Amino acid sequence: MNASVANAVQAPVVTPPPPVETTPVAKPVLNEDQKKALSDKDTKFSQKQDALKKARANQIVPKRGKTQPPPFSKGGNTYDPLNAKL
């Protein structure tokens, strides 16, 4: 009786599925004309970026000073109830 109870409690053995084989992805192959065109494009891009950096370095940046008066002031008409001196 004890042996049948022990067998009923055990879980069935499940084997894992076999691993899925994947084919390697082929890398794109570039010919010499394509490589030369890409390198030319890279050099043009880097030259353009260098020119932009130089232009930004030579650009005059205005100082950010106070452009508006402060929102609260001690002035105002003493007889105006909304804008009186405090």
PDB file of N, CA and C in Angstrom:
ATOM      1  N   MET A   1       0.815  -1.178   0.000  1.00  0.00           N
ATOM      2  CA  MET A   1       0.000   0.000   0.000  1.00  0.00           C
ATOM      3  C   MET A   1       0.865   1.250   0.000  1.00  0.00           C
ATOM      4  N   ASN A   2       1.922   1.228   0.762  1.00  0.00           N
ATOM      5  CA  ASN A   2       2.794   2.393   0.826  1.00  0.00           C
ATOM      6  C   ASN A   2       3.507   2.634  -0.504  1.00  0.00           C
ATOM      7  N   ALA A   3       3.858   1.628  -1.219  1.00  0.00           N
ATOM      8  CA  ALA A   3       4.565   1.754  -2.490  1.00  0.00           C
ATOM      9  C   ALA A   3       3.659   2.365  -3.553  1.00  0.00           C
ATOM     10  N   SER A   4       2.380   2.022  -3.555  1.00  0.00           N
ATOM     11  CA  SER A   4       1.467   2.581  -4.552  1.00  0.00           C
ATOM     12  C   SER A   4       1.194   4.059  -4.285  1.00  0.00           C
ATOM     13  N   VAL A   5       1.165   4.477  -3.048  1.00  0.00           N
ATOM     14  CA  VAL A   5       0.960   5.887  -2.696  1.00  0.00           C
ATOM     15  C   VAL A   5       2.193   6.687  -3.097  1.00  0.00           C
ATOM     16  N   ALA A   6       3.365   6.170  -2.897  1.00  0.00           N
ATOM     17  CA  ALA A   6       4.604   6.858  -3.252  1.00  0.00           C
ATOM     18  C   ALA A   6       4.708   7.016  -4.764  1.00  0.00           C
ATOM     19  N   ASN A   7       4.297   6.036  -5.544  1.00  0.00           N
ATOM     20  CA  ASN A   7       4.326   6.132  -7.000  1.00  0.00           C
ATOM     21  C   ASN A   7       3.292   7.118  -7.524  1.00  0.00           C
ATOM     22  N   ALA A   8       2.180   7.243  -6.863  1.00  0.00           N
ATOM     23  CA  ALA A   8       1.136   8.166  -7.309  1.00  0.00           C
ATOM     24  C   ALA A   8       1.535   9.620  -7.075  1.00  0.00           C
ATOM     25  N   VAL A   9       2.373   9.890  -6.100  1.00  0.00           N
ATOM     26  CA  VAL A   9       2.778  11.254  -5.760  1.00  0.00           C
ATOM     27  C   VAL A   9       3.860  11.768  -6.699  1.00  0.00           C
ATOM     28  N   GLN A  10       4.674  10.884  -7.246  1.00  0.00           N
ATOM     29  CA  GLN A  10       5.779  11.320  -8.095  1.00  0.00           C
ATOM     30  C   GLN A  10       5.260  11.935  -9.384  1.00  0.00           C
ATOM     31  N   ALA A  11       5.933  13.024  -9.827  1.00  0.00           N
ATOM     32  CA  ALA A  11       5.552  13.713 -11.062  1.00  0.00           C
ATOM     33  C   ALA A  11       6.131  12.962 -12.258  1.00  0.00           C
ATOM     34  N   PRO A  12       5.442  13.018 -13.392  1.00  0.00           N
ATOM     35  CA  PRO A  12       5.990  12.346 -14.576  1.00  0.00           C
ATOM     36  C   PRO A  12       7.245  13.059 -15.071  1.00  0.00           C
ATOM     37  N   VAL A  13       8.159  12.307 -15.627  1.00  0.00           N
ATOM     38  CA  VAL A  13       9.426  12.850 -16.125  1.00  0.00           C
ATOM     39  C   VAL A  13       9.189  13.420 -17.520  1.00  0.00           C
ATOM     40  N   VAL A  14       9.551  14.697 -17.704  1.00  0.00           N
ATOM     41  CA  VAL A  14       9.366  15.364 -18.996  1.00  0.00           C
ATOM     42  C   VAL A  14      10.737  15.663 -19.571  1.00  0.00           C
ATOM     43  N   THR A  15      10.981  15.223 -20.783  1.00  0.00           N
ATOM     44  CA  THR A  15      12.264  15.491 -21.425  1.00  0.00           C
ATOM     45  C   THR A  15      12.171  16.829 -22.166  1.00  0.00           C
ATOM     46  N   PRO A  16      13.194  17.655 -22.105  1.00  0.00           N
ATOM     47  CA  PRO A  16      13.159  18.944 -22.800  1.00  0.00           C
ATOM     48  C   PRO A  16      13.224  18.734 -24.311  1.00  0.00           C
ATOM     49  N   PRO A  17      12.631  19.643 -25.070  1.00  0.00           N
ATOM     50  CA  PRO A  17      12.678  19.500 -26.527  1.00  0.00           C
ATOM     51  C   PRO A  17      14.104  19.702 -27.035  1.00  0.00           C
ATOM     52  N   PRO A  18      14.441  19.119 -28.167  1.00  0.00           N
ATOM     53  CA  PRO A  18      15.804  19.274 -28.693  1.00  0.00           C
ATOM     54  C   PRO A  18      16.050  20.741 -29.080  1.00  0.00           C
ATOM     55  N   PRO A  19      17.285  21.216 -28.989  1.00  0.00           N
ATOM     56  CA  PRO A  19      17.584  22.618 -29.318  1.00  0.00           C
ATOM     57  C   PRO A  19      17.347  22.879 -30.807  1.00  0.00           C
ATOM     58  N   VAL A  20      16.883  24.077 -31.075  1.00  0.00           N
ATOM     59  CA  VAL A  20      16.601  24.462 -32.454  1.00  0.00           C
ATOM     60  C   VAL A  20      17.889  24.991 -33.074  1.00  0.00           C
ATOM     61  N   GLU A  21      18.242  24.468 -34.215  1.00  0.00           N
ATOM     62  CA  GLU A  21      19.461  24.899 -34.890  1.00  0.00           C
ATOM     63  C   GLU A  21      19.141  26.084 -35.782  1.00  0.00           C
ATOM     64  N   THR A  22      19.956  27.120 -35.681  1.00  0.00           N
ATOM     65  CA  THR A  22      19.773  28.304 -36.515  1.00  0.00           C
ATOM     66  C   THR A  22      20.907  28.378 -37.516  1.00  0.00           C
ATOM     67  N   THR A  23      20.598  28.884 -38.670  1.00  0.00           N
ATOM     68  CA  THR A  23      21.634  29.047 -39.688  1.00  0.00           C
ATOM     69  C   THR A  23      22.320  30.380 -39.471  1.00  0.00           C
ATOM     70  N   PRO A  24      23.624  30.456 -39.629  1.00  0.00           N
ATOM     71  CA  PRO A  24      24.323  31.724 -39.430  1.00  0.00           C
ATOM     72  C   PRO A  24      23.915  32.733 -40.506  1.00  0.00           C
ATOM     73  N   VAL A  25      23.819  33.986 -40.094  1.00  0.00           N
ATOM     74  CA  VAL A  25      23.433  35.052 -41.013  1.00  0.00           C
ATOM     75  C   VAL A  25      24.661  35.485 -41.800  1.00  0.00           C
ATOM     76  N   ALA A  26      24.505  35.557 -43.101  1.00  0.00           N
ATOM     77  CA  ALA A  26      25.624  35.948 -43.955  1.00  0.00           C
ATOM     78  C   ALA A  26      25.850  37.455 -43.840  1.00  0.00           C
ATOM     79  N   LYS A  27      27.098  37.860 -43.687  1.00  0.00           N
ATOM     80  CA  LYS A  27      27.422  39.282 -43.606  1.00  0.00           C
ATOM     81  C   LYS A  27      27.418  39.866 -45.008  1.00  0.00           C
ATOM     82  N   PRO A  28      26.945  41.122 -45.130  1.00  0.00           N
ATOM     83  CA  PRO A  28      26.947  41.724 -46.464  1.00  0.00           C
ATOM     84  C   PRO A  28      28.382  41.993 -46.925  1.00  0.00           C
ATOM     85  N   VAL A  29      28.611  41.781 -48.181  1.00  0.00           N
ATOM     86  CA  VAL A  29      29.939  41.971 -48.753  1.00  0.00           C
ATOM     87  C   VAL A  29      29.893  43.210 -49.637  1.00  0.00           C
ATOM     88  N   LEU A  30      30.816  44.140 -49.403  1.00  0.00           N
ATOM     89  CA  LEU A  30      30.879  45.370 -50.183  1.00  0.00           C
ATOM     90  C   LEU A  30      32.015  45.270 -51.191  1.00  0.00           C
ATOM     91  N   ASN A  31      31.757  45.783 -52.384  1.00  0.00           N
ATOM     92  CA  ASN A  31      32.836  45.803 -53.370  1.00  0.00           C
ATOM     93  C   ASN A  31      33.657  47.085 -53.172  1.00  0.00           C
ATOM     94  N   GLU A  32      34.709  47.236 -53.916  1.00  0.00           N
ATOM     95  CA  GLU A  32      35.639  48.357 -53.729  1.00  0.00           C
ATOM     96  C   GLU A  32      34.981  49.709 -54.014  1.00  0.00           C
ATOM     97  N   ASP A  33      34.096  49.774 -55.026  1.00  0.00           N
ATOM     98  CA  ASP A  33      33.429  51.036 -55.332  1.00  0.00           C
ATOM     99  C   ASP A  33      32.542  51.491 -54.174  1.00  0.00           C
ATOM    100  N   GLN A  34      31.836  50.559 -53.570  1.00  0.00           N
ATOM    101  CA  GLN A  34      30.978  50.898 -52.443  1.00  0.00           C
ATOM    102  C   GLN A  34      31.802  51.335 -51.239  1.00  0.00           C
ATOM    103  N   LYS A  35      32.919  50.659 -50.985  1.00  0.00           N
ATOM    104  CA  LYS A  35      33.790  51.040 -49.875  1.00  0.00           C
ATOM    105  C   LYS A  35      34.351  52.442 -50.078  1.00  0.00           C
ATOM    106  N   LYS A  36      34.759  52.754 -51.316  1.00  0.00           N
ATOM    107  CA  LYS A  36      35.308  54.076 -51.613  1.00  0.00           C
ATOM    108  C   LYS A  36      34.234  55.143 -51.457  1.00  0.00           C
ATOM    109  N   ALA A  37      33.013  54.864 -51.909  1.00  0.00           N
ATOM    110  CA  ALA A  37      31.919  55.831 -51.783  1.00  0.00           C
ATOM    111  C   ALA A  37      31.597  56.092 -50.315  1.00  0.00           C
ATOM    112  N   LEU A  38      31.595  55.050 -49.498  1.00  0.00           N
ATOM    113  CA  LEU A  38      31.328  55.226 -48.072  1.00  0.00           C
ATOM    114  C   LEU A  38      32.439  56.015 -47.379  1.00  0.00           C
ATOM    115  N   SER A  39      33.678  55.749 -47.721  1.00  0.00           N
ATOM    116  CA  SER A  39      34.776  56.478 -47.092  1.00  0.00           C
ATOM    117  C   SER A  39      34.755  57.946 -47.520  1.00  0.00           C
ATOM    118  N   ASP A  40      34.421  58.218 -48.793  1.00  0.00           N
ATOM    119  CA  ASP A  40      34.303  59.608 -49.243  1.00  0.00           C
ATOM    120  C   ASP A  40      33.192  60.325 -48.496  1.00  0.00           C
ATOM    121  N   LYS A  41      32.090  59.642 -48.309  1.00  0.00           N
ATOM    122  CA  LYS A  41      30.964  60.237 -47.596  1.00  0.00           C
ATOM    123  C   LYS A  41      31.346  60.523 -46.141  1.00  0.00           C
ATOM    124  N   ASP A  42      32.092  59.606 -45.522  1.00  0.00           N
ATOM    125  CA  ASP A  42      32.543  59.806 -44.144  1.00  0.00           C
ATOM    126  C   ASP A  42      33.474  61.015 -44.033  1.00  0.00           C
ATOM    127  N   THR A  43      34.393  61.168 -44.974  1.00  0.00           N
ATOM    128  CA  THR A  43      35.317  62.305 -44.914  1.00  0.00           C
ATOM    129  C   THR A  43      34.574  63.615 -45.128  1.00  0.00           C
ATOM    130  N   LYS A  44      33.602  63.637 -46.045  1.00  0.00           N
ATOM    131  CA  LYS A  44      32.816  64.857 -46.257  1.00  0.00           C
ATOM    132  C   LYS A  44      32.026  65.212 -45.004  1.00  0.00           C
ATOM    133  N   PHE A  45      31.460  64.207 -44.368  1.00  0.00           N
ATOM    134  CA  PHE A  45      30.690  64.445 -43.152  1.00  0.00           C
ATOM    135  C   PHE A  45      31.580  64.990 -42.041  1.00  0.00           C
ATOM    136  N   SER A  46      32.767  64.416 -41.871  1.00  0.00           N
ATOM    137  CA  SER A  46      33.667  64.885 -40.819  1.00  0.00           C
ATOM    138  C   SER A  46      34.167  66.300 -41.116  1.00  0.00           C
ATOM    139  N   GLN A  47      34.397  66.625 -42.379  1.00  0.00           N
ATOM    140  CA  GLN A  47      34.804  67.986 -42.724  1.00  0.00           C
ATOM    141  C   GLN A  47      33.680  68.974 -42.426  1.00  0.00           C
ATOM    142  N   LYS A  48      32.455  68.586 -42.726  1.00  0.00           N
ATOM    143  CA  LYS A  48      31.320  69.458 -42.454  1.00  0.00           C
ATOM    144  C   LYS A  48      31.146  69.675 -40.953  1.00  0.00           C
ATOM    145  N   GLN A  49      31.337  68.605 -40.158  1.00  0.00           N
ATOM    146  CA  GLN A  49      31.221  68.724 -38.708  1.00  0.00           C
ATOM    147  C   GLN A  49      32.318  69.618 -38.138  1.00  0.00           C
ATOM    148  N   ASP A  50      33.542  69.500 -38.670  1.00  0.00           N
ATOM    149  CA  ASP A  50      34.631  70.365 -38.215  1.00  0.00           C
ATOM    150  C   ASP A  50      34.333  71.827 -38.533  1.00  0.00           C
ATOM    151  N   ALA A  51      33.787  72.093 -39.723  1.00  0.00           N
ATOM    152  CA  ALA A  51      33.446  73.465 -40.097  1.00  0.00           C
ATOM    153  C   ALA A  51      32.357  74.014 -39.179  1.00  0.00           C
ATOM    154  N   LEU A  52      31.379  73.195 -38.826  1.00  0.00           N
ATOM    155  CA  LEU A  52      30.328  73.651 -37.918  1.00  0.00           C
ATOM    156  C   LEU A  52      30.875  73.937 -36.523  1.00  0.00           C
ATOM    157  N   LYS A  53      31.811  73.112 -36.059  1.00  0.00           N
ATOM    158  CA  LYS A  53      32.421  73.350 -34.748  1.00  0.00           C
ATOM    159  C   LYS A  53      33.188  74.666 -34.739  1.00  0.00           C
ATOM    160  N   LYS A  54      33.931  74.935 -35.822  1.00  0.00           N
ATOM    161  CA  LYS A  54      34.681  76.185 -35.900  1.00  0.00           C
ATOM    162  C   LYS A  54      33.738  77.379 -35.960  1.00  0.00           C
ATOM    163  N   ALA A  55      32.639  77.249 -36.689  1.00  0.00           N
ATOM    164  CA  ALA A  55      31.676  78.340 -36.790  1.00  0.00           C
ATOM    165  C   ALA A  55      31.036  78.613 -35.433  1.00  0.00           C
ATOM    166  N   ARG A  56      30.733  77.560 -34.686  1.00  0.00           N
ATOM    167  CA  ARG A  56      30.148  77.751 -33.353  1.00  0.00           C
ATOM    168  C   ARG A  56      31.153  78.378 -32.400  1.00  0.00           C
ATOM    169  N   ALA A  57      32.429  78.036 -32.539  1.00  0.00           N
ATOM    170  CA  ALA A  57      33.448  78.593 -31.656  1.00  0.00           C
ATOM    171  C   ALA A  57      33.647  80.082 -31.934  1.00  0.00           C
ATOM    172  N   ASN A  58      33.523  80.502 -33.185  1.00  0.00           N
ATOM    173  CA  ASN A  58      33.721  81.901 -33.543  1.00  0.00           C
ATOM    174  C   ASN A  58      32.459  82.740 -33.371  1.00  0.00           C
ATOM    175  N   GLN A  59      31.351  82.126 -33.082  1.00  0.00           N
ATOM    176  CA  GLN A  59      30.091  82.839 -32.956  1.00  0.00           C
ATOM    177  C   GLN A  59      30.058  83.629 -31.655  1.00  0.00           C
ATOM    178  N   ILE A  60      29.560  84.859 -31.738  1.00  0.00           N
ATOM    179  CA  ILE A  60      29.449  85.706 -30.558  1.00  0.00           C
ATOM    180  C   ILE A  60      28.131  85.373 -29.866  1.00  0.00           C
ATOM    181  N   VAL A  61      28.248  85.025 -28.607  1.00  0.00           N
ATOM    182  CA  VAL A  61      27.068  84.667 -27.830  1.00  0.00           C
ATOM    183  C   VAL A  61      26.682  85.869 -26.985  1.00  0.00           C
ATOM    184  N   PRO A  62      25.455  86.381 -27.146  1.00  0.00           N
ATOM    185  CA  PRO A  62      25.046  87.521 -26.331  1.00  0.00           C
ATOM    186  C   PRO A  62      24.894  87.120 -24.867  1.00  0.00           C
ATOM    187  N   LYS A  63      25.210  88.055 -24.008  1.00  0.00           N
ATOM    188  CA  LYS A  63      25.059  87.794 -22.588  1.00  0.00           C
ATOM    189  C   LYS A  63      23.581  87.807 -22.235  1.00  0.00           C
ATOM    190  N   ARG A  64      23.225  86.946 -21.349  1.00  0.00           N
ATOM    191  CA  ARG A  64      21.833  86.874 -20.916  1.00  0.00           C
ATOM    192  C   ARG A  64      21.683  87.722 -19.654  1.00  0.00           C
ATOM    193  N   GLY A  65      21.326  88.958 -19.855  1.00  0.00           N
ATOM    194  CA  GLY A  65      21.128  89.853 -18.731  1.00  0.00           C
ATOM    195  C   GLY A  65      19.659  89.981 -18.410  1.00  0.00           C
ATOM    196  N   LYS A  66      19.375  90.870 -17.493  1.00  0.00           N
ATOM    197  CA  LYS A  66      17.983  91.105 -17.134  1.00  0.00           C
ATOM    198  C   LYS A  66      17.332  91.899 -18.260  1.00  0.00           C
ATOM    199  N   THR A  67      16.300  91.355 -18.830  1.00  0.00           N
ATOM    200  CA  THR A  67      15.616  92.029 -19.921  1.00  0.00           C
ATOM    201  C   THR A  67      14.303  92.638 -19.461  1.00  0.00           C
ATOM    202  N   GLN A  68      13.752  92.190 -18.354  1.00  0.00           N
ATOM    203  CA  GLN A  68      12.499  92.723 -17.843  1.00  0.00           C
ATOM    204  C   GLN A  68      12.705  93.220 -16.423  1.00  0.00           C
ATOM    205  N   PRO A  69      11.947  94.230 -16.047  1.00  0.00           N
ATOM    206  CA  PRO A  69      12.059  94.689 -14.657  1.00  0.00           C
ATOM    207  C   PRO A  69      11.491  93.620 -13.722  1.00  0.00           C
ATOM    208  N   PRO A  70      11.871  93.684 -12.458  1.00  0.00           N
ATOM    209  CA  PRO A  70      11.339  92.698 -11.519  1.00  0.00           C
ATOM    210  C   PRO A  70       9.818  92.846 -11.398  1.00  0.00           C
ATOM    211  N   PRO A  71       9.117  91.761 -11.102  1.00  0.00           N
ATOM    212  CA  PRO A  71       7.659  91.824 -11.083  1.00  0.00           C
ATOM    213  C   PRO A  71       7.092  92.643  -9.925  1.00  0.00           C
ATOM    214  N   PHE A  72       7.832  92.773  -8.836  1.00  0.00           N
ATOM    215  CA  PHE A  72       7.348  93.538  -7.686  1.00  0.00           C
ATOM    216  C   PHE A  72       8.279  94.710  -7.451  1.00  0.00           C
ATOM    217  N   SER A  73       7.708  95.833  -7.130  1.00  0.00           N
ATOM    218  CA  SER A  73       8.523  97.012  -6.841  1.00  0.00           C
ATOM    219  C   SER A  73       7.889  97.790  -5.703  1.00  0.00           C
ATOM    220  N   LYS A  74       8.659  98.704  -5.154  1.00  0.00           N
ATOM    221  CA  LYS A  74       8.190  99.518  -4.034  1.00  0.00           C
ATOM    222  C   LYS A  74       7.474 100.776  -4.525  1.00  0.00           C
ATOM    223  N   GLY A  75       7.500 101.033  -5.837  1.00  0.00           N
ATOM    224  CA  GLY A  75       6.867 102.239  -6.363  1.00  0.00           C
ATOM    225  C   GLY A  75       5.389 102.053  -6.574  1.00  0.00           C
ATOM    226  N   GLY A  76       4.744 103.093  -7.006  1.00  0.00           N
ATOM    227  CA  GLY A  76       3.324 103.024  -7.286  1.00  0.00           C
ATOM    228  C   GLY A  76       2.601 104.203  -6.655  1.00  0.00           C
ATOM    229  N   ASN A  77       1.397 104.388  -7.063  1.00  0.00           N
ATOM    230  CA  ASN A  77       0.574 105.457  -6.541  1.00  0.00           C
ATOM    231  C   ASN A  77       0.043 105.045  -5.178  1.00  0.00           C
ATOM    232  N   THR A  78       0.198 105.925  -4.198  1.00  0.00           N
ATOM    233  CA  THR A  78      -0.243 105.607  -2.841  1.00  0.00           C
ATOM    234  C   THR A  78      -1.759 105.564  -2.742  1.00  0.00           C
ATOM    235  N   TYR A  79      -2.453 106.228  -3.650  1.00  0.00           N
ATOM    236  CA  TYR A  79      -3.917 106.273  -3.571  1.00  0.00           C
ATOM    237  C   TYR A  79      -4.585 105.192  -4.427  1.00  0.00           C
ATOM    238  N   ASP A  80      -3.804 104.420  -5.137  1.00  0.00           N
ATOM    239  CA  ASP A  80      -4.345 103.314  -5.937  1.00  0.00           C
ATOM    240  C   ASP A  80      -4.426 102.094  -5.051  1.00  0.00           C
ATOM    241  N   PRO A  81      -5.617 101.503  -4.843  1.00  0.00           N
ATOM    242  CA  PRO A  81      -5.734 100.382  -3.905  1.00  0.00           C
ATOM    243  C   PRO A  81      -5.080  99.096  -4.441  1.00  0.00           C
ATOM    244  N   LEU A  82      -4.937  98.968  -5.759  1.00  0.00           N
ATOM    245  CA  LEU A  82      -4.326  97.757  -6.309  1.00  0.00           C
ATOM    246  C   LEU A  82      -2.820  97.855  -6.469  1.00  0.00           C
ATOM    247  N   ASN A  83      -2.283  99.085  -6.534  1.00  0.00           N
ATOM    248  CA  ASN A  83      -0.851  99.263  -6.768  1.00  0.00           C
ATOM    249  C   ASN A  83      -0.313 100.302  -5.796  1.00  0.00           C
ATOM    250  N   ALA A  84      -0.547 100.121  -4.538  1.00  0.00           N
ATOM    251  CA  ALA A  84      -0.105 101.094  -3.550  1.00  0.00           C
ATOM    252  C   ALA A  84       1.283 100.729  -3.039  1.00  0.00           C
ATOM    253  N   LYS A  85       1.969 101.748  -2.501  1.00  0.00           N
ATOM    254  CA  LYS A  85       3.259 101.491  -1.857  1.00  0.00           C
ATOM    255  C   LYS A  85       3.028 100.676  -0.596  1.00  0.00           C
ATOM    256  N   LEU A  86       3.910  99.803  -0.353  1.00  0.00           N
ATOM    257  CA  LEU A  86       3.784  98.989   0.861  1.00  0.00           C
ATOM    258  C   LEU A  86       4.674  99.516   1.934  1.00  0.00           C
TER     259      LEU A  86
END
